[in-house]
C-alpha cells in the first residue's frame, strides 16, 4: 500500500513532457549536519555544511554554511529560524557570496499508524553581491514510513518555490521532487540517500544526494 501511495504522489507531481524542451543537468549534493538537543531551553540547534556540484558533476556549484534554531511548540507543530551563507559559482559572472534568512513552520502527524505526513511552510529572503535579491515562499509536502526493525525510512516529497515580490503574482519559480531513504548508522549518526529533480522554466536538474546527520 505504501508503494502505491508514493508512486501516486510522484505521478501527480512529475513535470511531464516539458523536460524535453529544457536544458538538463546532473548534480550532486553532499551534506554533513550536527544537531544538538538543548533540553533546558527546549530548543534544537542545527549546523550544516554542504557542497554541491553542477555541469554533470564536473564543477562546483556552491558551498553552504547553515545555522538554525528550532522549537517544538506543540506535538504537531515546530517553529524555526535559520541563517545560511553560500558561495555560488555563477559561471562567466564569477563567484557570488549570498546571505539567506528563513522562518519556517512545520505541521506533522501520523495517519493510519504507519504514514508520517508533514507540511512545511518556509519564508526565505536572500541577499547577494551586485544587488542580488530573492524572496520566496517554500511549501513542502512530505510522506514517509519507518520500516519495522531496520529503522529505515523511505520517503517522498514535493516542494514549490513561489515569488513574493510585488508584481510577480505569487509566480512559481521552481519545484523540487525528492525521493530517498533515511537510515540509522549507529553512534548517533543517521544517513540519507536520495534522488531529487529540480524543475524550472529553463532548466531541469537531476541531483544525487548523500547526507550524514549526527545528534547529541
Protein backbone atom coordinates (compact mmCIF):
# COMPACT_ATOMS: atom_id res chain seq x y z
CA UNK A 1 0.00 0.00 0.00
CA UNK A 2 2.81 2.41 0.86
CA UNK A 3 4.42 1.89 -2.54
CA UNK A 4 1.15 2.75 -4.23
CA UNK A 5 0.75 5.99 -2.27
CA UNK A 6 4.32 7.08 -3.02
CA UNK A 7 4.02 6.22 -6.71
CA UNK A 8 0.76 8.15 -7.00
CA UNK A 9 2.32 11.24 -5.43
CA UNK A 10 5.22 11.19 -7.86
CA UNK A 11 2.98 10.68 -10.88
CA UNK A 12 0.73 13.57 -9.90
CA UNK A 13 3.65 15.93 -9.30
CA UNK A 14 6.04 14.94 -12.11
CA UNK A 15 6.60 17.76 -14.65
CA UNK A 16 5.97 15.52 -17.66
CA UNK A 17 6.90 16.39 -21.22
CA UNK A 18 8.24 19.86 -20.50
CA UNK A 19 11.63 18.35 -19.56
CA UNK A 20 12.32 17.64 -23.24
CA UNK A 21 12.46 21.38 -24.00
CA UNK A 22 14.69 22.25 -21.04
CA UNK A 23 18.40 22.28 -20.56
CA UNK A 24 19.17 19.21 -18.42
CA UNK A 25 21.98 18.82 -15.90
CA UNK A 26 23.30 16.24 -13.44
CA UNK A 27 24.47 17.38 -9.99
CA UNK A 28 25.46 16.03 -6.58
CA UNK A 29 24.78 17.35 -3.08
CA UNK A 30 26.88 16.19 -0.11
CA UNK A 31 25.94 17.28 3.43
CA UNK A 32 27.26 16.90 6.98
CA UNK A 33 24.90 18.08 9.72
CA UNK A 34 25.24 18.40 13.52
CA UNK A 35 22.12 18.65 15.71
CA UNK A 36 22.20 19.47 19.45
CA UNK A 37 19.14 18.97 21.66
CA UNK A 38 19.28 21.82 24.19
CA UNK A 39 16.78 20.34 26.62
CA UNK A 40 16.97 23.06 29.30
CA UNK A 41 15.86 25.71 26.81
CA UNK A 42 13.54 23.42 24.87
CA UNK A 43 15.46 24.18 21.67
CA UNK A 44 17.20 22.24 18.92
CA UNK A 45 20.39 23.78 17.49
CA UNK A 46 21.39 22.79 13.98
CA UNK A 47 24.60 23.35 11.99
CA UNK A 48 25.26 22.13 8.45
CA UNK A 49 27.97 22.15 5.78
CA UNK A 50 27.05 21.35 2.17
CA UNK A 51 28.88 21.08 -1.13
CA UNK A 52 27.05 20.98 -4.47
CA UNK A 53 28.30 20.25 -7.97
CA UNK A 54 26.84 21.01 -11.42
CA UNK A 55 27.65 20.74 -15.15
CA UNK A 56 27.36 16.93 -15.00
CA UNK A 57 29.36 16.81 -11.75
CA UNK A 58 32.39 18.47 -13.36
CA UNK A 59 32.35 21.76 -11.44
CA UNK A 60 31.42 23.16 -8.02
CA UNK A 61 28.04 24.87 -7.90
CA UNK A 62 28.19 26.25 -4.35
CA UNK A 63 29.41 25.70 -0.80
CA UNK A 64 26.94 26.31 2.04
CA UNK A 65 27.12 27.00 5.78
CA UNK A 66 23.76 26.74 7.56
CA UNK A 67 22.87 27.56 11.19
CA UNK A 68 19.38 27.07 12.65
CA UNK A 69 17.37 27.06 15.87
CA UNK A 70 14.12 25.08 16.19
CA UNK A 71 11.45 24.64 18.86
CA UNK A 72 8.70 22.05 19.19
CA UNK A 73 5.87 24.25 20.45
CA UNK A 74 3.14 21.58 20.15
CA UNK A 75 3.26 17.83 19.45
CA UNK A 76 2.22 18.56 15.85
CA UNK A 77 3.88 21.98 15.32
CA UNK A 78 7.51 23.10 15.26
CA UNK A 79 8.84 26.60 14.54
CA UNK A 80 12.33 27.59 13.45
CA UNK A 81 14.63 30.22 12.03
CA UNK A 82 17.95 29.91 10.24
CA UNK A 83 20.76 31.82 8.59
CA UNK A 84 22.66 30.49 5.57
CA UNK A 85 25.83 31.71 3.91
CA UNK A 86 26.62 30.36 0.46
CA UNK A 87 29.42 30.95 -2.05
CA UNK A 88 27.99 30.42 -5.53
CA UNK A 89 29.58 29.74 -8.91
CA UNK A 90 27.82 31.98 -11.50
CA UNK A 91 29.91 30.78 -14.45
CA UNK A 92 31.01 33.74 -16.60
CA UNK A 93 29.88 36.19 -13.88
CA UNK A 94 32.31 34.69 -11.38
CA UNK A 95 31.59 33.83 -7.76
CA UNK A 96 28.99 35.48 -5.52
CA UNK A 97 28.58 35.42 -1.75
CA UNK A 98 24.94 35.21 -0.65
CA UNK A 99 23.22 35.60 2.73
CA UNK A 100 19.86 33.91 3.25
CA UNK A 101 17.40 34.27 6.15
CA UNK A 102 14.46 31.90 6.72
CA UNK A 103 11.48 31.44 9.02
CA UNK A 104 9.62 28.15 8.99
CA UNK A 105 6.63 26.31 10.48
CA UNK A 106 6.17 22.54 10.15
CA UNK A 107 2.92 20.68 10.77
CA UNK A 108 3.33 16.93 11.20
CA UNK A 109 1.14 13.94 12.07
CA UNK A 110 0.84 10.19 11.57
CA UNK A 111 -2.01 8.68 9.57
CA UNK A 112 -3.24 5.08 9.75
CA UNK A 113 -0.45 4.39 12.30
CA UNK A 114 2.19 3.97 9.60
CA UNK A 115 2.28 7.03 7.31
CA UNK A 116 4.16 10.12 8.55
CA UNK A 117 2.89 13.31 6.90
CA UNK A 118 4.39 16.77 7.22
CA UNK A 119 3.65 20.14 5.64
CA UNK A 120 6.38 22.76 5.89
CA UNK A 121 5.88 26.47 5.17
CA UNK A 122 9.11 28.45 4.83
CA UNK A 123 9.68 32.17 4.17
CA UNK A 124 13.06 32.79 2.51
CA UNK A 125 14.83 36.10 1.86
CA UNK A 126 18.22 36.08 0.08
CA UNK A 127 20.68 38.95 -0.41
CA UNK A 128 23.85 38.80 -2.51
CA UNK A 129 26.52 40.88 -4.18
CA UNK A 130 25.81 43.31 -7.03
CA UNK A 131 22.29 43.99 -5.75
CA UNK A 132 21.05 40.40 -5.96
CA UNK A 133 17.83 39.80 -4.01
CA UNK A 134 15.29 36.99 -3.90
CA UNK A 135 12.22 36.41 -1.74
CA UNK A 136 10.11 33.26 -1.92
CA UNK A 137 7.62 31.14 -0.03
CA UNK A 138 8.61 27.48 0.02
CA UNK A 139 5.87 24.89 0.61
CA UNK A 140 6.78 21.23 1.05
CA UNK A 141 4.62 18.13 1.45
CA UNK A 142 6.49 15.04 2.69
CA UNK A 143 5.30 11.44 3.13
CA UNK A 144 7.37 8.80 4.88
CA UNK A 145 7.18 5.44 6.62
CA UNK A 146 9.66 3.88 9.07
CA UNK A 147 10.18 0.18 8.39
CA UNK A 148 9.94 -2.06 11.48
CA UNK A 149 13.16 -3.50 12.94
CA UNK A 150 15.53 -1.86 10.44
CA UNK A 151 14.65 1.77 11.24
CA UNK A 152 14.97 2.68 7.54
CA UNK A 153 12.55 5.42 6.46
CA UNK A 154 11.71 5.66 2.74
CA UNK A 155 10.08 8.97 1.84
CA UNK A 156 8.96 11.23 -1.00
CA UNK A 157 8.37 14.98 -1.03
CA UNK A 158 7.26 17.79 -3.33
CA UNK A 159 8.36 21.39 -2.69
CA UNK A 160 7.32 24.56 -4.53
CA UNK A 161 9.08 27.95 -4.58
CA UNK A 162 6.76 30.93 -5.21
CA UNK A 163 7.99 34.50 -5.63
CA UNK A 164 6.82 37.06 -3.05
CA UNK A 165 7.90 40.18 -4.96
CA UNK A 166 5.15 42.70 -5.65
CA UNK A 167 4.01 42.31 -9.26
CA UNK A 168 5.08 38.67 -9.61
CA UNK A 169 1.62 37.43 -8.66
CA UNK A 170 2.97 34.60 -6.48
CA UNK A 171 4.71 33.20 -9.58
CA UNK A 172 6.05 29.64 -9.36
CA UNK A 173 9.84 29.87 -9.69
CA UNK A 174 10.77 26.19 -9.38
CA UNK A 175 9.67 22.85 -7.96
CA UNK A 176 11.64 20.06 -6.30
CA UNK A 177 10.61 16.38 -6.39
CA UNK A 178 12.55 14.19 -3.98
CA UNK A 179 12.60 10.53 -3.08
CA UNK A 180 15.01 8.72 -0.80
CA UNK A 181 15.59 6.81 2.39
CA UNK A 182 16.94 7.79 5.80
CA UNK A 183 18.74 5.03 7.70
CA UNK A 184 20.50 4.64 11.08
CA UNK A 185 24.29 4.32 11.07
CA UNK A 186 24.93 3.97 14.82
CA UNK A 187 26.87 6.06 17.35
CA UNK A 188 24.43 8.95 16.94
CA UNK A 189 24.68 9.10 13.15
CA UNK A 190 21.94 8.75 10.55
CA UNK A 191 22.32 8.78 6.77
CA UNK A 192 20.07 9.95 3.95
CA UNK A 193 20.47 8.77 0.36
CA UNK A 194 18.20 10.50 -2.15
CA UNK A 195 17.38 11.49 -5.70
CA UNK A 196 15.99 14.97 -6.40
CA UNK A 197 14.70 16.59 -9.58
CA UNK A 198 14.59 20.40 -9.62
CA UNK A 199 12.27 21.76 -12.28
CA UNK A 200 12.24 25.37 -13.51
CA UNK A 201 11.10 27.02 -16.74
CA UNK A 202 14.54 26.91 -18.35
CA UNK A 203 16.43 24.10 -16.63
CA UNK A 204 15.89 20.67 -15.14
CA UNK A 205 18.49 19.34 -12.70
CA UNK A 206 18.86 15.70 -11.65
CA UNK A 207 20.54 15.53 -8.22
CA UNK A 208 22.09 12.55 -6.46
CA UNK A 209 22.48 13.33 -2.77
CA UNK A 210 24.06 11.90 0.35
CA UNK A 211 23.70 13.40 3.83
CA UNK A 212 25.01 12.45 7.25
CA UNK A 213 23.49 13.78 10.50
CA UNK A 214 24.97 13.46 13.98
CA UNK A 215 22.70 14.09 17.01
CA UNK A 216 23.97 14.73 20.52
